[in-house]
């Protein structure tokens, strides 16, 4: 992976601008769709965005060639991104997906409970909703006007400290914001084999089924007909075993199933085991 990291580092610096064409909207449909879209980026756009990047730092010869329209180099970039994903993201995807889905469940609940105002007010503390303006701790002073367009909110496991948006204001407005990263527990969790051994029993099976698409501890207790303390205890055991994720929402917590927890209920394999690469079609 070191080779891929060295190749990609000039394109994605740790701070500051990086080209918008690296994050096409087709990424919502999966990695292969994103890479197909990247390969099809108009050469003029590649040139413009890489030129903006070159103002901040010298670029390697292969990136300069890509900016000059060398289609082989943009193919090289797509291949490098795919290899990087295979090593640095795919092995950890179930954990990342569980954290992202927990955040999506929390935002969806806020939207249902109080509309757009409640949703925007529920975002992480580096984002502040003061109607009609959403303020953000952003690396540069900038105003982004929606002008009647929608705003796509995208939780990200890898986005840290400050949100990110496209540099080009004419692109569809997207706000990438950090998901919550829980503080490591002071008491280490039980080894997986011992945690899973504690799962046997009807109550915890009912707890898993009761969580559904997400619920608080109080709702879980009502659904399974157990005390609040019992629901909390069972949720802790399931969380230690990697079957659910708990996200704090104000004075309450929201429990959601991980891919492993959902697979256990289905009696099948985790979703990522069925992953198949598709062509550009």
Protein backbone atom coordinates (compact mmCIF):
# COMPACT_ATOMS: atom_id res chain seq x y z
CA UNK A 1 0.00 0.00 0.00
CA UNK A 2 2.96 2.36 0.47
CA UNK A 3 3.31 2.74 -3.30
CA UNK A 4 -0.35 3.73 -3.71
CA UNK A 5 -0.09 6.16 -0.79
CA UNK A 6 2.92 7.89 -2.32
CA UNK A 7 1.15 8.21 -5.66
CA UNK A 8 -2.08 9.59 -4.19
CA UNK A 9 -0.59 11.93 -1.56
CA UNK A 10 0.05 14.87 -3.95
CA UNK A 11 -3.58 14.69 -5.13
CA UNK A 12 -5.11 14.52 -1.64
CA UNK A 13 -3.02 16.62 0.75
CA UNK A 14 -3.74 16.42 4.46
CA UNK A 15 -4.94 20.04 4.40
CA UNK A 16 -6.30 22.40 1.80
CA UNK A 17 -7.74 21.96 -1.67
CA UNK A 18 -8.06 18.67 -3.54
CA UNK A 19 -9.75 18.22 -6.94
CA UNK A 20 -13.52 17.86 -7.00
CA UNK A 21 -13.43 15.24 -9.77
CA UNK A 22 -11.95 12.75 -7.26
CA UNK A 23 -15.33 12.51 -5.49
CA UNK A 24 -17.98 12.06 -8.23
CA UNK A 25 -21.63 11.74 -7.15
CA UNK A 26 -21.70 8.26 -8.70
CA UNK A 27 -19.75 7.18 -5.62
CA UNK A 28 -23.12 6.81 -3.88
CA UNK A 29 -23.64 3.75 -6.11
CA UNK A 30 -20.37 2.09 -5.14
CA UNK A 31 -16.66 2.15 -5.85
CA UNK A 32 -16.81 0.78 -9.39
CA UNK A 33 -19.39 3.35 -10.48
CA UNK A 34 -17.26 6.09 -8.96
CA UNK A 35 -14.13 4.92 -10.80
CA UNK A 36 -16.03 4.69 -14.08
CA UNK A 37 -17.20 8.28 -13.61
CA UNK A 38 -13.66 9.38 -12.74
CA UNK A 39 -12.31 7.84 -15.98
CA UNK A 40 -14.96 9.74 -17.93
CA UNK A 41 -14.20 13.16 -16.42
CA UNK A 42 -13.88 15.71 -19.26
CA UNK A 43 -10.19 16.51 -19.90
CA UNK A 44 -10.86 20.25 -19.63
CA UNK A 45 -12.19 19.81 -16.10
CA UNK A 46 -9.24 17.61 -15.10
CA UNK A 47 -6.87 20.26 -16.42
CA UNK A 48 -8.63 23.12 -14.61
CA UNK A 49 -8.78 21.39 -11.23
CA UNK A 50 -5.23 20.03 -11.37
CA UNK A 51 -3.98 23.49 -12.35
CA UNK A 52 -5.56 24.85 -9.19
CA UNK A 53 -3.78 22.15 -7.20
CA UNK A 54 -0.42 22.92 -8.81
CA UNK A 55 -0.56 26.51 -7.52
CA UNK A 56 0.02 25.19 -4.00
CA UNK A 57 2.75 22.61 -4.62
CA UNK A 58 4.80 21.01 -7.43
CA UNK A 59 3.12 17.97 -8.96
CA UNK A 60 4.73 14.69 -10.12
CA UNK A 61 5.16 14.23 -13.85
CA UNK A 62 2.36 11.64 -14.17
CA UNK A 63 -0.17 14.03 -12.60
CA UNK A 64 0.97 16.86 -14.86
CA UNK A 65 0.55 14.50 -17.83
CA UNK A 66 -2.96 13.67 -16.65
CA UNK A 67 -3.74 17.37 -16.55
CA UNK A 68 -2.46 17.68 -20.12
CA UNK A 69 -4.97 15.10 -21.32
CA UNK A 70 -3.05 11.81 -21.09
CA UNK A 71 -5.92 9.32 -20.70
CA UNK A 72 -3.50 6.56 -19.68
CA UNK A 73 -2.69 8.49 -16.52
CA UNK A 74 -6.30 8.89 -15.45
CA UNK A 75 -6.63 5.14 -15.93
CA UNK A 76 -3.56 4.73 -13.76
CA UNK A 77 -5.20 6.91 -11.11
CA UNK A 78 -8.37 4.78 -11.15
CA UNK A 79 -6.33 1.60 -10.76
CA UNK A 80 -4.33 3.09 -7.89
CA UNK A 81 -7.51 4.14 -6.08
CA UNK A 82 -8.97 0.65 -6.51
CA UNK A 83 -5.86 -1.01 -5.06
CA UNK A 84 -5.77 1.44 -2.17
CA UNK A 85 -9.43 0.72 -1.42
CA UNK A 86 -8.82 -3.04 -1.46
CA UNK A 87 -6.10 -2.74 1.17
CA UNK A 88 -7.08 0.27 3.30
CA UNK A 89 -10.89 0.28 3.23
CA UNK A 90 -12.45 -3.03 2.18
CA UNK A 91 -11.11 -5.13 5.10
CA UNK A 92 -12.59 -2.67 7.59
CA UNK A 93 -15.80 -1.88 5.72
CA UNK A 94 -18.25 -3.65 8.08
CA UNK A 95 -17.05 -1.51 11.00
CA UNK A 96 -17.09 1.70 8.94
CA UNK A 97 -20.51 0.93 7.51
CA UNK A 98 -21.95 0.26 10.96
CA UNK A 99 -20.80 3.66 12.23
CA UNK A 100 -22.12 5.45 9.13
CA UNK A 101 -25.49 3.67 9.29
CA UNK A 102 -25.80 4.60 12.96
CA UNK A 103 -25.33 8.24 12.05
CA UNK A 104 -27.85 7.98 9.20
CA UNK A 105 -30.40 6.48 11.58
CA UNK A 106 -29.87 9.33 14.04
CA UNK A 107 -30.31 11.99 11.35
CA UNK A 108 -33.37 10.24 9.96
CA UNK A 109 -34.97 10.14 13.40
CA UNK A 110 -34.26 13.85 13.89
CA UNK A 111 -35.87 14.62 10.53
CA UNK A 112 -38.99 12.61 11.38
CA UNK A 113 -39.25 14.12 14.86
CA UNK A 114 -38.80 17.77 13.93
CA UNK A 115 -38.31 18.27 10.21
CA UNK A 116 -35.36 19.98 8.57
CA UNK A 117 -34.79 22.28 11.55
CA UNK A 118 -34.32 19.36 13.95
CA UNK A 119 -32.15 17.51 11.43
CA UNK A 120 -29.77 20.44 10.92
CA UNK A 121 -29.65 21.15 14.66
CA UNK A 122 -28.67 17.51 15.30
CA UNK A 123 -25.45 17.70 13.26
CA UNK A 124 -22.05 17.51 15.01
CA UNK A 125 -20.90 20.56 17.02
CA UNK A 126 -18.64 21.93 14.27
CA UNK A 127 -21.91 22.65 12.40
CA UNK A 128 -24.40 25.13 13.86
CA UNK A 129 -27.90 25.72 12.51
CA UNK A 130 -28.98 29.34 12.89
CA UNK A 131 -31.89 29.58 10.50
CA UNK A 132 -31.65 30.25 7.66
CA UNK A 133 -27.85 29.75 7.80
CA UNK A 134 -25.88 26.60 8.55
CA UNK A 135 -22.53 27.71 9.97
CA UNK A 136 -19.50 25.44 9.81
CA UNK A 137 -15.98 25.42 11.22
CA UNK A 138 -14.32 25.44 7.81
CA UNK A 139 -10.63 25.79 6.91
CA UNK A 140 -11.28 28.95 4.86
CA UNK A 141 -13.79 31.80 5.03
CA UNK A 142 -16.43 30.94 2.46
CA UNK A 143 -20.14 31.35 1.74
CA UNK A 144 -22.05 28.69 -0.20
CA UNK A 145 -25.47 29.78 -1.46
CA UNK A 146 -27.93 27.01 -2.30
CA UNK A 147 -30.16 29.26 -4.46
CA UNK A 148 -33.04 26.82 -4.21
CA UNK A 149 -30.93 23.70 -4.64
CA UNK A 150 -30.97 20.93 -2.08
CA UNK A 151 -28.06 20.05 0.19
CA UNK A 152 -26.78 16.48 0.30
CA UNK A 153 -25.56 15.61 3.81
CA UNK A 154 -22.94 12.87 3.75
CA UNK A 155 -21.54 11.34 6.95
CA UNK A 156 -17.91 10.25 6.63
CA UNK A 157 -15.80 8.00 8.84
CA UNK A 158 -12.57 9.54 7.53
CA UNK A 159 -13.56 13.22 7.70
CA UNK A 160 -12.13 14.63 10.93
CA UNK A 161 -12.54 17.95 12.79
CA UNK A 162 -13.97 20.05 9.93
CA UNK A 163 -16.56 19.33 7.20
CA UNK A 164 -15.75 19.34 3.49
CA UNK A 165 -17.62 20.56 0.44
CA UNK A 166 -16.91 20.95 -3.27
CA UNK A 167 -14.69 23.84 -4.31
CA UNK A 168 -16.77 24.53 -7.44
CA UNK A 169 -19.97 26.29 -6.30
CA UNK A 170 -21.78 25.22 -9.49
CA UNK A 171 -21.66 21.54 -8.55
CA UNK A 172 -24.50 19.92 -6.61
CA UNK A 173 -24.11 21.15 -3.01
CA UNK A 174 -22.67 18.38 -0.82
CA UNK A 175 -21.61 18.69 2.81
CA UNK A 176 -19.37 15.89 4.08
CA UNK A 177 -19.25 15.88 7.88
CA UNK A 178 -17.49 13.68 10.48
CA UNK A 179 -19.35 10.84 12.14
CA UNK A 180 -18.98 10.40 15.88
CA UNK A 181 -15.95 8.38 16.95
CA UNK A 182 -16.63 6.87 20.38
CA UNK A 183 -14.05 7.25 23.12
CA UNK A 184 -12.34 3.89 23.80
CA UNK A 185 -13.75 2.14 26.82
CA UNK A 186 -11.65 2.14 29.99
CA UNK A 187 -12.55 -1.53 30.56
CA UNK A 188 -11.57 -3.74 27.62
CA UNK A 189 -14.37 -5.64 25.95
CA UNK A 190 -14.57 -9.39 26.36
CA UNK A 191 -12.86 -11.57 23.74
CA UNK A 192 -15.23 -12.25 20.82
CA UNK A 193 -15.69 -15.93 21.68
CA UNK A 194 -16.81 -15.10 25.23
CA UNK A 195 -19.05 -12.23 24.12
CA UNK A 196 -20.78 -14.38 21.52
CA UNK A 197 -21.21 -17.15 24.08
CA UNK A 198 -23.29 -14.80 26.21
CA UNK A 199 -25.73 -14.17 23.36
CA UNK A 200 -27.60 -17.46 23.69
CA UNK A 201 -31.19 -16.96 24.82
CA UNK A 202 -34.58 -15.74 23.68
CA UNK A 203 -34.35 -12.30 25.23
CA UNK A 204 -31.28 -11.23 23.31
CA UNK A 205 -32.70 -12.65 20.11
CA UNK A 206 -35.79 -10.53 20.76
CA UNK A 207 -33.57 -7.53 21.49
CA UNK A 208 -31.86 -7.89 18.09
CA UNK A 209 -35.21 -8.17 16.35
CA UNK A 210 -36.65 -5.29 18.34
CA UNK A 211 -33.92 -2.86 17.32
CA UNK A 212 -35.16 -2.90 13.74
CA UNK A 213 -33.94 0.19 11.89
CA UNK A 214 -32.96 1.87 15.15
CA UNK A 215 -34.44 2.64 18.54
CA UNK A 216 -33.63 4.13 21.93
CA UNK A 217 -33.17 2.04 25.07
CA UNK A 218 -36.64 3.04 26.33
CA UNK A 219 -38.27 2.04 23.04
CA UNK A 220 -36.34 -1.23 23.07
CA UNK A 221 -37.55 -2.03 26.59
CA UNK A 222 -41.16 -1.46 25.51
CA UNK A 223 -40.81 -3.51 22.33
CA UNK A 224 -39.31 -6.52 24.11
CA UNK A 225 -41.31 -6.06 27.32
CA UNK A 226 -38.34 -5.92 29.68
CA UNK A 227 -37.21 -3.34 32.21
CA UNK A 228 -35.13 -0.35 31.14
CA UNK A 229 -32.14 -1.69 33.09
CA UNK A 230 -32.47 -5.10 31.44
CA UNK A 231 -32.70 -3.60 27.96
CA UNK A 232 -29.59 -1.53 28.65
CA UNK A 233 -27.68 -4.56 29.93
CA UNK A 234 -28.60 -6.72 26.94
CA UNK A 235 -27.72 -3.90 24.53
CA UNK A 236 -24.28 -3.66 26.17
CA UNK A 237 -23.62 -7.36 25.62
CA UNK A 238 -24.73 -7.12 21.98
CA UNK A 239 -22.56 -4.06 21.45
CA UNK A 240 -19.51 -5.82 22.97
CA UNK A 241 -20.09 -8.68 20.53
CA UNK A 242 -20.10 -6.30 17.57
CA UNK A 243 -23.79 -6.81 16.74
CA UNK A 244 -25.01 -3.27 17.32
CA UNK A 245 -23.77 0.30 17.45
CA UNK A 246 -24.89 2.86 20.02
CA UNK A 247 -24.91 6.57 19.17
CA UNK A 248 -25.70 9.24 21.75
CA UNK A 249 -28.46 11.70 20.82
CA UNK A 250 -28.84 14.38 23.49
CA UNK A 251 -30.04 12.69 26.67
CA UNK A 252 -30.87 9.44 24.89
CA UNK A 253 -28.94 6.82 22.95
CA UNK A 254 -29.88 5.26 19.62
CA UNK A 255 -29.11 1.61 18.93
CA UNK A 256 -28.71 0.28 15.37
CA UNK A 257 -27.65 -3.12 14.05
CA UNK A 258 -24.23 -3.64 12.51
CA UNK A 259 -23.98 -5.65 9.25
CA UNK A 260 -22.96 -8.63 11.40
CA UNK A 261 -26.02 -8.21 13.62
CA UNK A 262 -28.31 -7.95 10.60
CA UNK A 263 -26.69 -11.04 9.04
CA UNK A 264 -27.22 -12.99 12.27
CA UNK A 265 -30.92 -12.19 12.15
CA UNK A 266 -31.13 -13.19 8.49
CA UNK A 267 -29.28 -16.42 9.18
CA UNK A 268 -27.00 -15.62 6.26
CA UNK A 269 -23.61 -14.14 5.51
CA UNK A 270 -22.72 -10.49 6.04
CA UNK A 271 -23.55 -8.26 3.08
CA UNK A 272 -19.90 -7.58 2.30
CA UNK A 273 -19.31 -11.29 1.60
CA UNK A 274 -21.63 -11.00 -1.38
CA UNK A 275 -19.75 -8.04 -2.80
CA UNK A 276 -18.99 -8.45 -6.50
CA UNK A 277 -17.08 -6.08 -8.70
CA UNK A 278 -18.98 -4.83 -11.70
CA UNK A 279 -17.62 -3.45 -14.94
CA UNK A 280 -18.12 0.05 -16.27
CA UNK A 281 -20.93 -1.28 -18.47
